[in-house]
């Protein structure tokens, strides 16, 4: 695979997420940040989380790519999924409390959709990745203490996983980077393929 410093395309991260920026920085990729700023629906249109994140990642990539003359746009969307419903970002503290109570003591799905969009050719590579996340059963006092940390702000599922060991969350399947919001293992493979083929 191409090393980050020699990657042949200008990389554009279509996200304002601190977690995605952190992951890209840790991997050593030079990149620009240009958030897509699209409206995100709160329900899965087709009743399926995989389609939901796949479609949103594509829409985010499109929103940024069509404004760029060249480069490779990286867009992603991450949401939780429990009992057939999207677990999105909380609107406020009361909504975060509701979400955390619904996840407490459960294992839920965490889906990320990723779309790479090359300009000016408009070639695209898209995929979706699943992780299973267990949240320990929390008391009301523990929930209130967690809310005071403000870690739920802007985060799907009203949580932000801590490294290397989270006191509340356990990843039972899938990668930790996927839970943060950008599956770096599969992204690195895709970027390596793109660098050789495009």
N, C-alpha and C. Protein backbone atom coordinates (compact mmCIF):
# COMPACT_ATOMS: atom_id res chain seq x y z
N UNK A 1 0.83 -1.20 0.00
CA UNK A 1 0.00 0.00 0.00
C UNK A 1 0.87 1.26 0.00
N UNK A 2 0.34 2.33 -0.60
CA UNK A 2 1.03 3.60 -0.57
C UNK A 2 1.15 4.09 0.87
N UNK A 3 2.31 4.63 1.22
CA UNK A 3 2.43 5.23 2.55
C UNK A 3 1.64 6.53 2.56
N UNK A 4 1.13 6.96 3.71
CA UNK A 4 0.34 8.17 3.76
C UNK A 4 1.01 9.38 3.11
N UNK A 5 2.32 9.55 3.31
CA UNK A 5 3.01 10.72 2.78
C UNK A 5 3.08 10.71 1.25
N UNK A 6 3.00 9.53 0.63
CA UNK A 6 3.13 9.41 -0.82
C UNK A 6 1.79 9.10 -1.49
N UNK A 7 0.70 9.26 -0.76
CA UNK A 7 -0.58 8.94 -1.35
C UNK A 7 -0.81 9.85 -2.55
N UNK A 8 -1.22 9.30 -3.70
CA UNK A 8 -1.22 10.08 -4.95
C UNK A 8 -2.35 11.10 -5.09
N UNK A 9 -3.33 11.09 -4.23
CA UNK A 9 -4.45 12.03 -4.34
C UNK A 9 -4.51 12.94 -3.11
N UNK A 10 -5.01 14.12 -3.35
CA UNK A 10 -5.37 15.02 -2.25
C UNK A 10 -6.54 14.40 -1.51
N UNK A 11 -6.44 14.26 -0.19
CA UNK A 11 -7.49 13.62 0.60
C UNK A 11 -8.35 14.68 1.27
N UNK A 12 -9.67 14.51 1.18
CA UNK A 12 -10.62 15.45 1.74
C UNK A 12 -11.58 14.68 2.64
N UNK A 13 -11.57 14.97 3.92
CA UNK A 13 -12.47 14.31 4.87
C UNK A 13 -13.76 15.13 4.96
N UNK A 14 -14.85 14.52 4.51
CA UNK A 14 -16.14 15.22 4.46
C UNK A 14 -16.86 15.09 5.80
N UNK A 15 -16.19 15.51 6.86
CA UNK A 15 -16.75 15.33 8.19
C UNK A 15 -16.11 16.31 9.17
N UNK A 16 -16.92 16.83 10.08
CA UNK A 16 -16.40 17.66 11.16
C UNK A 16 -16.19 16.88 12.44
N UNK A 17 -16.36 15.56 12.38
CA UNK A 17 -16.23 14.71 13.56
C UNK A 17 -14.79 14.71 14.09
N UNK A 18 -14.65 15.02 15.39
CA UNK A 18 -13.31 15.01 15.98
C UNK A 18 -12.73 13.60 15.97
N UNK A 19 -13.60 12.58 16.15
CA UNK A 19 -13.13 11.20 16.17
C UNK A 19 -12.55 10.77 14.84
N UNK A 20 -13.21 11.12 13.74
CA UNK A 20 -12.69 10.77 12.42
C UNK A 20 -11.40 11.51 12.13
N UNK A 21 -11.34 12.78 12.50
CA UNK A 21 -10.11 13.55 12.29
C UNK A 21 -8.97 12.92 13.09
N UNK A 22 -9.26 12.52 14.33
CA UNK A 22 -8.24 11.91 15.18
C UNK A 22 -7.72 10.61 14.57
N UNK A 23 -8.63 9.79 14.06
CA UNK A 23 -8.22 8.52 13.45
C UNK A 23 -7.33 8.75 12.22
N UNK A 24 -7.70 9.72 11.39
CA UNK A 24 -6.89 10.01 10.20
C UNK A 24 -5.52 10.55 10.60
N UNK A 25 -5.48 11.38 11.63
CA UNK A 25 -4.21 11.93 12.10
C UNK A 25 -3.33 10.83 12.66
N UNK A 26 -3.93 9.91 13.44
CA UNK A 26 -3.17 8.81 14.02
C UNK A 26 -2.57 7.92 12.94
N UNK A 27 -3.28 7.78 11.82
CA UNK A 27 -2.80 6.94 10.71
C UNK A 27 -1.74 7.66 9.88
N UNK A 28 -1.58 8.96 10.09
CA UNK A 28 -0.53 9.71 9.39
C UNK A 28 -0.91 10.23 8.02
N UNK A 29 -2.20 10.29 7.71
CA UNK A 29 -2.61 10.79 6.40
C UNK A 29 -2.69 12.31 6.39
N UNK A 30 -2.12 12.95 5.38
CA UNK A 30 -2.36 14.38 5.20
C UNK A 30 -3.76 14.55 4.58
N UNK A 31 -4.56 15.44 5.15
CA UNK A 31 -5.92 15.59 4.64
C UNK A 31 -6.48 16.96 4.98
N UNK A 32 -7.51 17.33 4.24
CA UNK A 32 -8.25 18.56 4.50
C UNK A 32 -9.60 18.17 5.09
N UNK A 33 -10.19 19.07 5.86
CA UNK A 33 -11.51 18.82 6.45
C UNK A 33 -12.52 19.76 5.80
N UNK A 34 -13.55 19.17 5.19
CA UNK A 34 -14.62 19.95 4.59
C UNK A 34 -15.95 19.25 4.90
N UNK A 35 -16.57 19.59 6.03
CA UNK A 35 -17.83 18.92 6.42
C UNK A 35 -18.91 19.06 5.37
N UNK A 36 -19.72 18.02 5.24
CA UNK A 36 -20.78 17.99 4.21
C UNK A 36 -21.97 18.86 4.59
N UNK A 37 -22.28 18.91 5.87
CA UNK A 37 -23.39 19.73 6.39
C UNK A 37 -24.74 19.42 5.74
N UNK A 38 -25.03 18.13 5.52
CA UNK A 38 -26.33 17.76 4.98
C UNK A 38 -27.28 17.43 6.13
N UNK A 39 -28.57 17.53 5.86
CA UNK A 39 -29.56 17.13 6.85
C UNK A 39 -29.63 15.61 6.89
N UNK A 40 -29.60 15.05 8.11
CA UNK A 40 -29.62 13.60 8.26
C UNK A 40 -30.99 13.15 8.75
N UNK A 41 -31.64 12.23 8.02
CA UNK A 41 -32.94 11.72 8.48
C UNK A 41 -32.79 10.95 9.78
N UNK A 42 -33.85 10.92 10.56
CA UNK A 42 -33.80 10.23 11.85
C UNK A 42 -34.31 8.79 11.76
N UNK A 43 -34.87 8.42 10.63
CA UNK A 43 -35.38 7.06 10.44
C UNK A 43 -34.74 6.42 9.22
N UNK A 44 -34.59 5.10 9.25
CA UNK A 44 -34.06 4.37 8.10
C UNK A 44 -35.16 4.22 7.06
N UNK A 45 -34.97 4.86 5.92
CA UNK A 45 -36.01 4.90 4.90
C UNK A 45 -36.45 3.51 4.44
N UNK A 46 -35.51 2.60 4.33
CA UNK A 46 -35.83 1.24 3.87
C UNK A 46 -35.96 0.25 5.03
N UNK A 47 -35.95 0.78 6.26
CA UNK A 47 -36.09 -0.10 7.42
C UNK A 47 -34.88 -0.96 7.70
N UNK A 48 -33.72 -0.53 7.18
CA UNK A 48 -32.50 -1.34 7.32
C UNK A 48 -31.32 -0.40 7.57
N UNK A 49 -30.57 -0.66 8.63
CA UNK A 49 -29.50 0.25 9.03
C UNK A 49 -28.35 0.25 8.03
N UNK A 50 -28.07 -0.88 7.43
CA UNK A 50 -26.97 -0.94 6.47
C UNK A 50 -27.23 -0.02 5.28
N UNK A 51 -28.46 -0.05 4.76
CA UNK A 51 -28.82 0.84 3.66
C UNK A 51 -28.79 2.30 4.12
N UNK A 52 -29.23 2.53 5.34
CA UNK A 52 -29.30 3.89 5.88
C UNK A 52 -27.93 4.55 5.90
N UNK A 53 -26.93 3.89 6.51
CA UNK A 53 -25.60 4.50 6.59
C UNK A 53 -24.92 4.54 5.23
N UNK A 54 -25.20 3.55 4.39
CA UNK A 54 -24.63 3.55 3.05
C UNK A 54 -25.12 4.73 2.23
N UNK A 55 -26.41 4.98 2.30
CA UNK A 55 -27.00 6.09 1.55
C UNK A 55 -26.50 7.43 2.08
N UNK A 56 -26.44 7.58 3.41
CA UNK A 56 -25.99 8.85 3.98
C UNK A 56 -24.51 9.12 3.68
N UNK A 57 -23.69 8.09 3.73
CA UNK A 57 -22.27 8.28 3.40
C UNK A 57 -22.13 8.75 1.95
N UNK A 58 -22.92 8.17 1.05
CA UNK A 58 -22.87 8.57 -0.35
C UNK A 58 -23.33 10.02 -0.52
N UNK A 59 -24.41 10.39 0.16
CA UNK A 59 -24.92 11.76 0.06
C UNK A 59 -23.91 12.77 0.61
N UNK A 60 -23.24 12.40 1.70
CA UNK A 60 -22.21 13.29 2.26
C UNK A 60 -21.04 13.45 1.28
N UNK A 61 -20.63 12.34 0.67
CA UNK A 61 -19.53 12.39 -0.30
C UNK A 61 -19.93 13.26 -1.49
N UNK A 62 -21.14 13.08 -1.97
CA UNK A 62 -21.61 13.85 -3.12
C UNK A 62 -21.61 15.35 -2.82
N UNK A 63 -22.10 15.71 -1.62
CA UNK A 63 -22.22 17.12 -1.25
C UNK A 63 -20.87 17.84 -1.30
N UNK A 64 -19.80 17.14 -0.95
CA UNK A 64 -18.47 17.74 -0.96
C UNK A 64 -17.79 17.56 -2.30
N UNK A 65 -17.89 16.37 -2.89
CA UNK A 65 -17.16 16.07 -4.12
C UNK A 65 -17.55 16.99 -5.27
N UNK A 66 -18.81 17.31 -5.38
CA UNK A 66 -19.25 18.12 -6.52
C UNK A 66 -18.77 19.57 -6.43
N UNK A 67 -18.17 19.94 -5.31
CA UNK A 67 -17.60 21.29 -5.16
C UNK A 67 -16.08 21.29 -5.35
N UNK A 68 -15.51 20.10 -5.54
CA UNK A 68 -14.05 19.98 -5.62
C UNK A 68 -13.60 19.63 -7.03
N UNK A 69 -12.57 20.30 -7.52
CA UNK A 69 -12.08 20.00 -8.87
C UNK A 69 -11.25 18.72 -8.94
N UNK A 70 -10.62 18.36 -7.82
CA UNK A 70 -9.77 17.17 -7.81
C UNK A 70 -9.66 16.64 -6.38
N UNK A 71 -9.16 15.43 -6.26
CA UNK A 71 -8.94 14.84 -4.95
C UNK A 71 -9.82 13.64 -4.69
N UNK A 72 -9.64 13.05 -3.50
CA UNK A 72 -10.42 11.89 -3.08
C UNK A 72 -11.17 12.25 -1.81
N UNK A 73 -12.48 12.29 -1.91
CA UNK A 73 -13.33 12.62 -0.77
C UNK A 73 -13.59 11.36 0.04
N UNK A 74 -13.44 11.45 1.35
CA UNK A 74 -13.75 10.35 2.27
C UNK A 74 -14.93 10.79 3.12
N UNK A 75 -16.04 10.11 2.98
CA UNK A 75 -17.24 10.44 3.75
C UNK A 75 -17.70 9.22 4.52
N UNK A 76 -18.28 9.45 5.69
CA UNK A 76 -18.75 8.33 6.51
C UNK A 76 -19.96 8.76 7.33
N UNK A 77 -20.77 7.77 7.67
CA UNK A 77 -21.89 8.00 8.58
C UNK A 77 -21.97 6.82 9.52
N UNK A 78 -22.12 7.11 10.81
CA UNK A 78 -22.16 6.07 11.83
C UNK A 78 -23.39 6.23 12.70
N UNK A 79 -24.14 5.15 12.89
CA UNK A 79 -25.30 5.19 13.79
C UNK A 79 -25.43 3.87 14.54
N UNK A 80 -26.07 3.96 15.68
CA UNK A 80 -26.44 2.75 16.41
C UNK A 80 -27.77 2.23 15.90
N UNK A 81 -28.05 0.98 16.20
CA UNK A 81 -29.28 0.32 15.73
C UNK A 81 -29.73 -0.64 16.82
N UNK A 82 -30.95 -0.45 17.31
CA UNK A 82 -31.47 -1.29 18.38
C UNK A 82 -32.96 -1.48 18.18
N UNK A 83 -33.41 -2.75 18.20
CA UNK A 83 -34.82 -3.08 18.05
C UNK A 83 -35.42 -2.46 16.78
N UNK A 84 -34.63 -2.48 15.71
CA UNK A 84 -35.14 -1.99 14.43
C UNK A 84 -35.25 -0.49 14.30
N UNK A 85 -34.57 0.25 15.18
CA UNK A 85 -34.65 1.71 15.13
C UNK A 85 -33.26 2.33 15.13
N UNK A 86 -33.13 3.44 14.40
CA UNK A 86 -31.89 4.20 14.38
C UNK A 86 -31.67 4.87 15.73
N UNK A 87 -30.45 4.77 16.25
CA UNK A 87 -30.07 5.49 17.46
C UNK A 87 -29.16 6.62 17.00
N UNK A 88 -29.72 7.78 16.85
CA UNK A 88 -28.95 8.90 16.31
C UNK A 88 -28.28 9.73 17.37
N UNK A 89 -27.96 10.96 17.00
CA UNK A 89 -27.33 11.90 17.93
C UNK A 89 -28.41 12.54 18.81
N UNK A 90 -28.14 12.68 20.09
CA UNK A 90 -29.15 13.27 20.97
C UNK A 90 -29.36 14.76 20.68
N UNK A 91 -30.59 15.20 20.80
CA UNK A 91 -30.92 16.60 20.57
C UNK A 91 -30.49 17.48 21.74
N UNK A 92 -30.56 16.91 22.94
CA UNK A 92 -30.21 17.66 24.15
C UNK A 92 -29.94 16.65 25.27
N UNK A 93 -29.74 17.15 26.48
CA UNK A 93 -29.40 16.25 27.59
C UNK A 93 -30.54 15.29 27.91
N UNK A 94 -31.77 15.75 27.82
CA UNK A 94 -32.90 14.87 28.10
C UNK A 94 -32.97 13.73 27.09
N UNK A 95 -32.69 14.04 25.84
CA UNK A 95 -32.68 13.01 24.80
C UNK A 95 -31.52 12.05 25.00
N UNK A 96 -30.37 12.59 25.43
CA UNK A 96 -29.22 11.72 25.72
C UNK A 96 -29.55 10.76 26.86
N UNK A 97 -30.24 11.25 27.87
CA UNK A 97 -30.66 10.39 28.99
C UNK A 97 -31.56 9.26 28.50
N UNK A 98 -32.51 9.61 27.63
CA UNK A 98 -33.43 8.60 27.07
C UNK A 98 -32.66 7.54 26.29
N UNK A 99 -31.71 7.98 25.46
CA UNK A 99 -30.95 7.05 24.64
C UNK A 99 -30.11 6.12 25.50
N UNK A 100 -29.40 6.68 26.47
CA UNK A 100 -28.53 5.86 27.32
C UNK A 100 -29.35 4.86 28.12
N UNK A 101 -30.51 5.27 28.60
CA UNK A 101 -31.37 4.32 29.33
C UNK A 101 -31.82 3.18 28.43
N UNK A 102 -32.07 3.48 27.16
CA UNK A 102 -32.51 2.42 26.23
C UNK A 102 -31.37 1.47 25.89
N UNK A 103 -30.12 1.95 25.93
CA UNK A 103 -28.96 1.11 25.60
C UNK A 103 -28.39 0.39 26.82
N UNK A 104 -28.65 0.90 28.01
CA UNK A 104 -28.10 0.33 29.23
C UNK A 104 -28.42 -1.16 29.37
N UNK A 105 -27.38 -1.95 29.54
CA UNK A 105 -27.56 -3.39 29.72
C UNK A 105 -27.83 -4.17 28.46
N UNK A 106 -27.62 -3.56 27.28
CA UNK A 106 -27.92 -4.23 26.02
C UNK A 106 -26.67 -4.36 25.14
N UNK A 107 -26.79 -5.20 24.11
CA UNK A 107 -25.82 -5.23 23.02
C UNK A 107 -26.53 -4.65 21.81
N UNK A 108 -25.95 -3.62 21.21
CA UNK A 108 -26.57 -3.01 20.04
C UNK A 108 -25.61 -3.03 18.86
N UNK A 109 -26.18 -2.88 17.67
CA UNK A 109 -25.38 -2.80 16.45
C UNK A 109 -24.89 -1.37 16.26
N UNK A 110 -23.68 -1.24 15.73
CA UNK A 110 -23.11 0.05 15.39
C UNK A 110 -22.64 -0.06 13.94
N UNK A 111 -23.32 0.65 13.06
CA UNK A 111 -23.02 0.58 11.63
C UNK A 111 -22.33 1.86 11.16
N UNK A 112 -21.32 1.68 10.30
CA UNK A 112 -20.69 2.81 9.62
C UNK A 112 -20.72 2.55 8.12
N UNK A 113 -21.20 3.55 7.39
CA UNK A 113 -21.11 3.52 5.93
C UNK A 113 -19.97 4.43 5.51
N UNK A 114 -19.20 4.01 4.52
CA UNK A 114 -18.07 4.80 4.02
C UNK A 114 -18.19 4.93 2.51
N UNK A 115 -17.88 6.11 2.00
CA UNK A 115 -17.87 6.33 0.56
C UNK A 115 -16.62 7.10 0.18
N UNK A 116 -15.85 6.58 -0.75
CA UNK A 116 -14.71 7.28 -1.35
C UNK A 116 -15.15 7.76 -2.73
N UNK A 117 -14.96 9.05 -2.99
CA UNK A 117 -15.43 9.64 -4.25
C UNK A 117 -14.26 10.42 -4.86
N UNK A 118 -13.81 9.96 -6.03
CA UNK A 118 -12.66 10.57 -6.69
C UNK A 118 -13.11 11.64 -7.68
N UNK A 119 -12.44 12.79 -7.58
CA UNK A 119 -12.66 13.86 -8.55
C UNK A 119 -11.38 14.07 -9.36
N UNK A 120 -11.48 14.29 -10.66
CA UNK A 120 -12.71 14.58 -11.42
C UNK A 120 -13.36 13.38 -12.08
N UNK A 121 -12.86 12.15 -11.84
CA UNK A 121 -13.42 11.00 -12.57
C UNK A 121 -14.79 10.58 -12.06
N UNK A 122 -15.12 10.95 -10.81
CA UNK A 122 -16.37 10.54 -10.15
C UNK A 122 -16.47 9.03 -9.95
N UNK A 123 -15.34 8.35 -9.90
CA UNK A 123 -15.34 6.94 -9.50
C UNK A 123 -15.60 6.86 -8.00
N UNK A 124 -16.29 5.81 -7.59
CA UNK A 124 -16.68 5.70 -6.19
C UNK A 124 -16.48 4.27 -5.68
N UNK A 125 -16.11 4.18 -4.42
CA UNK A 125 -16.07 2.90 -3.70
C UNK A 125 -16.83 3.11 -2.40
N UNK A 126 -17.82 2.26 -2.15
CA UNK A 126 -18.64 2.40 -0.94
C UNK A 126 -18.77 1.05 -0.24
N UNK A 127 -18.81 1.08 1.08
CA UNK A 127 -19.05 -0.14 1.84
C UNK A 127 -19.63 0.21 3.20
N UNK A 128 -20.11 -0.82 3.90
CA UNK A 128 -20.66 -0.64 5.24
C UNK A 128 -20.03 -1.66 6.18
N UNK A 129 -19.86 -1.25 7.43
CA UNK A 129 -19.20 -2.14 8.39
C UNK A 129 -19.98 -2.16 9.71
N UNK A 130 -20.01 -3.33 10.32
CA UNK A 130 -20.78 -3.56 11.54
C UNK A 130 -19.88 -3.87 12.73
N UNK A 131 -20.20 -3.27 13.87
CA UNK A 131 -19.62 -3.66 15.16
C UNK A 131 -20.77 -3.92 16.12
N UNK A 132 -20.55 -4.80 17.08
CA UNK A 132 -21.52 -5.04 18.14
C UNK A 132 -20.95 -4.48 19.44
N UNK A 133 -21.73 -3.64 20.09
CA UNK A 133 -21.25 -2.92 21.28
C UNK A 133 -22.16 -3.23 22.47
N UNK A 134 -21.55 -3.62 23.56
CA UNK A 134 -22.29 -3.87 24.81
C UNK A 134 -22.12 -2.68 25.75
N UNK A 135 -23.24 -2.18 26.24
CA UNK A 135 -23.18 -1.16 27.28
C UNK A 135 -23.59 -1.81 28.60
N UNK A 136 -22.78 -1.63 29.61
CA UNK A 136 -23.10 -2.25 30.89
C UNK A 136 -24.37 -1.62 31.46
N UNK A 137 -25.03 -2.36 32.33
CA UNK A 137 -26.24 -1.84 32.99
C UNK A 137 -25.84 -0.70 33.91
N UNK A 138 -26.44 0.45 33.70
CA UNK A 138 -26.10 1.65 34.48
C UNK A 138 -27.23 2.03 35.43
N UNK A 139 -26.86 2.44 36.61
CA UNK A 139 -27.85 2.96 37.56
C UNK A 139 -28.22 4.38 37.14
N UNK A 140 -29.29 4.90 37.70
CA UNK A 140 -29.69 6.28 37.40
C UNK A 140 -28.58 7.26 37.78
N UNK A 141 -27.92 7.00 38.91
CA UNK A 141 -26.83 7.88 39.34
C UNK A 141 -25.66 7.84 38.36
N UNK A 142 -25.35 6.65 37.85
CA UNK A 142 -24.26 6.51 36.89
C UNK A 142 -24.60 7.22 35.58
N UNK A 143 -25.86 7.15 35.18
CA UNK A 143 -26.29 7.84 33.96
C UNK A 143 -26.15 9.35 34.13
N UNK A 144 -26.56 9.86 35.28
CA UNK A 144 -26.46 11.30 35.54
C UNK A 144 -25.00 11.74 35.56
N UNK A 145 -24.14 10.92 36.14
CA UNK A 145 -22.71 11.26 36.17
C UNK A 145 -22.14 11.28 34.75
N UNK A 146 -22.57 10.34 33.93
CA UNK A 146 -22.10 10.29 32.54
C UNK A 146 -22.58 11.51 31.76
N UNK A 147 -23.82 11.90 31.98
CA UNK A 147 -24.36 13.07 31.28
C UNK A 147 -23.56 14.32 31.61
N UNK A 148 -23.07 14.42 32.84
CA UNK A 148 -22.31 15.61 33.25
C UNK A 148 -20.96 15.71 32.53
N UNK A 149 -20.46 14.60 31.99
CA UNK A 149 -19.19 14.64 31.27
C UNK A 149 -19.33 15.30 29.91
N UNK A 150 -20.56 15.39 29.40
CA UNK A 150 -20.87 15.98 28.09
C UNK A 150 -20.28 15.16 26.94
N UNK A 151 -19.85 13.93 27.20
CA UNK A 151 -19.27 13.10 26.14
C UNK A 151 -20.31 12.67 25.11
N UNK A 152 -21.56 12.85 25.43
CA UNK A 152 -22.65 12.44 24.55
C UNK A 152 -22.91 13.45 23.44
N UNK A 153 -22.41 14.65 23.58
CA UNK A 153 -22.73 15.72 22.63
C UNK A 153 -22.21 15.41 21.23
N UNK A 154 -23.12 15.44 20.26
CA UNK A 154 -22.75 15.24 18.87
C UNK A 154 -22.40 13.82 18.51
N UNK A 155 -22.70 12.87 19.40
CA UNK A 155 -22.30 11.48 19.17
C UNK A 155 -23.51 10.57 18.98
N UNK A 156 -23.49 9.78 17.93
CA UNK A 156 -24.54 8.79 17.71
C UNK A 156 -24.54 7.81 18.88
N UNK A 157 -25.72 7.51 19.41
CA UNK A 157 -25.81 6.62 20.55
C UNK A 157 -25.57 7.32 21.88
N UNK A 158 -25.30 8.63 21.82
CA UNK A 158 -25.06 9.44 23.03
C UNK A 158 -23.85 8.97 23.82
N UNK A 159 -22.85 8.43 23.13
CA UNK A 159 -21.62 8.04 23.81
C UNK A 159 -20.42 8.22 22.90
N UNK A 160 -19.26 8.33 23.53
CA UNK A 160 -17.99 8.39 22.84
C UNK A 160 -17.06 7.40 23.53
N UNK A 161 -16.62 6.40 22.80
CA UNK A 161 -15.83 5.34 23.41
C UNK A 161 -14.45 5.84 23.81
N UNK A 162 -13.94 5.36 24.95
CA UNK A 162 -12.62 5.75 25.47
C UNK A 162 -11.61 4.65 25.17
N UNK A 163 -10.37 5.06 24.92
CA UNK A 163 -9.28 4.12 24.68
C UNK A 163 -8.25 4.23 25.80
N UNK A 164 -7.57 3.13 26.17
CA UNK A 164 -7.73 1.80 25.58
C UNK A 164 -8.86 0.98 26.21
N UNK A 165 -9.35 1.38 27.37
CA UNK A 165 -10.40 0.61 28.04
C UNK A 165 -11.52 1.56 28.46
N UNK A 166 -12.71 1.27 27.96
CA UNK A 166 -13.87 2.09 28.31
C UNK A 166 -14.57 1.46 29.51
N UNK A 167 -14.92 2.25 30.53
CA UNK A 167 -15.56 1.69 31.72
C UNK A 167 -17.01 1.28 31.50
N UNK A 168 -17.59 1.72 30.41
CA UNK A 168 -19.02 1.46 30.17
C UNK A 168 -19.26 0.56 28.97
N UNK A 169 -18.41 0.66 27.95
CA UNK A 169 -18.64 -0.01 26.67
C UNK A 169 -17.64 -1.12 26.40
N UNK A 170 -18.13 -2.21 25.81
CA UNK A 170 -17.28 -3.31 25.38
C UNK A 170 -17.61 -3.64 23.93
N UNK A 171 -16.58 -3.72 23.09
CA UNK A 171 -16.80 -4.09 21.69
C UNK A 171 -16.76 -5.61 21.60
N UNK A 172 -17.87 -6.22 21.27
CA UNK A 172 -17.96 -7.68 21.22
C UNK A 172 -17.65 -8.22 19.83
N UNK A 173 -17.76 -7.36 18.81
CA UNK A 173 -17.45 -7.78 17.45
C UNK A 173 -17.12 -6.53 16.64
N UNK A 174 -16.14 -6.65 15.76
CA UNK A 174 -15.79 -5.52 14.91
C UNK A 174 -14.67 -4.69 15.50
N UNK A 175 -14.34 -3.62 14.79
CA UNK A 175 -13.18 -2.82 15.16
C UNK A 175 -13.56 -1.63 16.02
N UNK A 176 -12.60 -1.18 16.83
CA UNK A 176 -12.81 0.00 17.66
C UNK A 176 -12.91 1.26 16.81
N UNK A 177 -12.13 1.32 15.73
CA UNK A 177 -12.18 2.51 14.87
C UNK A 177 -13.55 2.67 14.22
N UNK A 178 -14.20 1.56 13.94
CA UNK A 178 -15.56 1.62 13.39
C UNK A 178 -16.51 2.26 14.40
N UNK A 179 -16.33 1.95 15.68
CA UNK A 179 -17.18 2.52 16.72
C UNK A 179 -16.92 4.03 16.85
N UNK A 180 -15.67 4.44 16.65
CA UNK A 180 -15.35 5.86 16.68
C UNK A 180 -15.99 6.58 15.50
N UNK A 181 -16.08 5.88 14.35
CA UNK A 181 -16.76 6.49 13.22
C UNK A 181 -16.09 6.34 11.87
N UNK A 182 -14.95 5.64 11.81
CA UNK A 182 -14.27 5.44 10.54
C UNK A 182 -13.45 4.16 10.63
N UNK A 183 -13.90 3.07 9.98
CA UNK A 183 -13.19 1.78 10.10
C UNK A 183 -11.85 1.81 9.38
N UNK A 184 -10.79 2.10 10.12
CA UNK A 184 -9.49 2.36 9.52
C UNK A 184 -8.87 1.14 8.84
N UNK A 185 -9.15 -0.05 9.36
CA UNK A 185 -8.56 -1.24 8.76
C UNK A 185 -9.06 -1.42 7.32
N UNK A 186 -10.37 -1.33 7.13
CA UNK A 186 -10.91 -1.48 5.77
C UNK A 186 -10.63 -0.24 4.93
N UNK A 187 -10.58 0.94 5.57
CA UNK A 187 -10.26 2.15 4.82
C UNK A 187 -8.85 2.09 4.24
N UNK A 188 -7.90 1.62 5.03
CA UNK A 188 -6.53 1.54 4.55
C UNK A 188 -6.42 0.58 3.36
N UNK A 189 -7.16 -0.53 3.41
CA UNK A 189 -7.15 -1.47 2.28
C UNK A 189 -7.76 -0.81 1.05
N UNK A 190 -8.87 -0.08 1.24
CA UNK A 190 -9.53 0.57 0.11
C UNK A 190 -8.64 1.66 -0.49
N UNK A 191 -7.96 2.43 0.37
CA UNK A 191 -7.08 3.48 -0.14
C UNK A 191 -5.90 2.87 -0.89
N UNK A 192 -5.40 1.74 -0.40
CA UNK A 192 -4.32 1.07 -1.10
C UNK A 192 -4.75 0.60 -2.48
N UNK A 193 -5.97 0.07 -2.56
CA UNK A 193 -6.49 -0.39 -3.87
C UNK A 193 -6.69 0.80 -4.80
N UNK A 194 -7.28 1.87 -4.28
CA UNK A 194 -7.54 3.06 -5.08
C UNK A 194 -6.22 3.65 -5.61
N UNK A 195 -5.19 3.70 -4.76
CA UNK A 195 -3.90 4.27 -5.16
C UNK A 195 -3.30 3.50 -6.32
N UNK A 196 -3.51 2.20 -6.36
CA UNK A 196 -2.94 1.38 -7.43
C UNK A 196 -3.79 1.37 -8.70
N UNK A 197 -5.12 1.38 -8.51
CA UNK A 197 -6.02 1.18 -9.65
C UNK A 197 -6.46 2.48 -10.32
N UNK A 198 -6.50 3.59 -9.57
CA UNK A 198 -7.00 4.83 -10.14
C UNK A 198 -5.87 5.79 -10.48
